[in-house]
Amino acid sequence: MKLNGRRKAVMRYEQRKNTRSRDSPVVLACTVGVLTEVPVMLSLVCFINKTRHCFPEERGYNR
């Protein structure tokens, strides 16, 4: 099957777009960032809640 110039250009664009989206460092950074940030933040919150009794409660603001 013979492809015309426009069809070839569209196919090249699609191939570049698909390659960029999978191999992009932005995708890696977003994925790794979320996968590490959420567990770290949850463990910090757990630690802070467990050691809350070690710190005096501040007065002067409403909870």
Protein backbone atom coordinates (compact mmCIF):
# COMPACT_ATOMS: atom_id res chain seq x y z
CA MET A 1 0.00 0.00 0.00
CA LYS A 2 1.39 3.36 -1.03
CA LEU A 3 0.99 6.27 1.40
CA ASN A 4 0.72 9.87 0.34
CA GLY A 5 2.80 12.62 1.95
CA ARG A 6 0.11 13.84 4.34
CA ARG A 7 -0.60 10.37 5.68
CA LYS A 8 3.12 9.76 6.23
CA ALA A 9 3.40 13.03 8.14
CA VAL A 10 0.44 12.13 10.33
CA MET A 11 1.92 8.72 11.08
CA ARG A 12 5.31 10.24 11.99
CA TYR A 13 3.57 12.74 14.28
CA GLU A 14 1.62 9.99 16.03
CA GLN A 15 4.76 7.92 16.52
CA ARG A 16 6.65 10.89 18.02
CA LYS A 17 3.70 11.80 20.25
CA ASN A 18 3.39 8.27 21.61
CA THR A 19 7.13 7.99 22.22
CA ARG A 20 7.31 11.33 24.01
CA SER A 21 4.40 10.59 26.31
CA ARG A 22 5.82 7.27 27.52
CA ASP A 23 9.48 8.21 27.79
CA SER A 24 9.02 11.70 29.11
CA PRO A 25 10.96 12.59 32.27
CA VAL A 26 7.92 14.55 33.37
CA VAL A 27 5.87 11.35 33.51
CA LEU A 28 8.59 9.67 35.55
CA ALA A 29 8.88 12.61 37.94
CA CYS A 30 5.13 12.82 38.48
CA THR A 31 4.76 9.10 39.08
CA VAL A 32 7.74 8.71 41.39
CA GLY A 33 6.87 11.93 43.20
CA VAL A 34 3.39 10.75 44.05
CA LEU A 35 4.49 7.22 44.90
CA THR A 36 7.07 8.47 47.39
CA GLU A 37 5.42 11.64 48.68
CA VAL A 38 2.15 10.09 49.84
CA PRO A 39 3.64 7.32 52.03
CA VAL A 40 6.23 9.70 53.49
CA MET A 41 3.60 12.30 54.37
CA LEU A 42 1.31 9.67 55.89
CA SER A 43 4.13 8.27 58.01
CA LEU A 44 5.04 11.77 59.21
CA VAL A 45 1.44 12.47 60.20
CA CYS A 46 1.30 9.17 62.06
CA PHE A 47 4.55 9.94 63.89
CA ILE A 48 3.41 13.45 64.80
CA ASN A 49 0.09 12.22 66.11
CA LYS A 50 1.81 9.57 68.25
CA THR A 51 4.26 12.08 69.76
CA ARG A 52 1.73 14.87 70.29
CA HIS A 53 1.86 14.34 74.07
CA CYS A 54 5.57 15.30 74.10
CA PHE A 55 4.85 18.90 73.21
CA PRO A 56 2.99 21.43 75.32
CA GLU A 57 -0.29 22.63 73.90
CA GLU A 58 -0.17 26.25 72.84
CA ARG A 59 -2.85 28.52 74.14
CA GLY A 60 -4.17 31.62 72.47
CA TYR A 61 -5.90 30.25 69.42
CA ASN A 62 -9.16 28.37 68.98
CA ARG A 63 -9.34 24.91 67.61
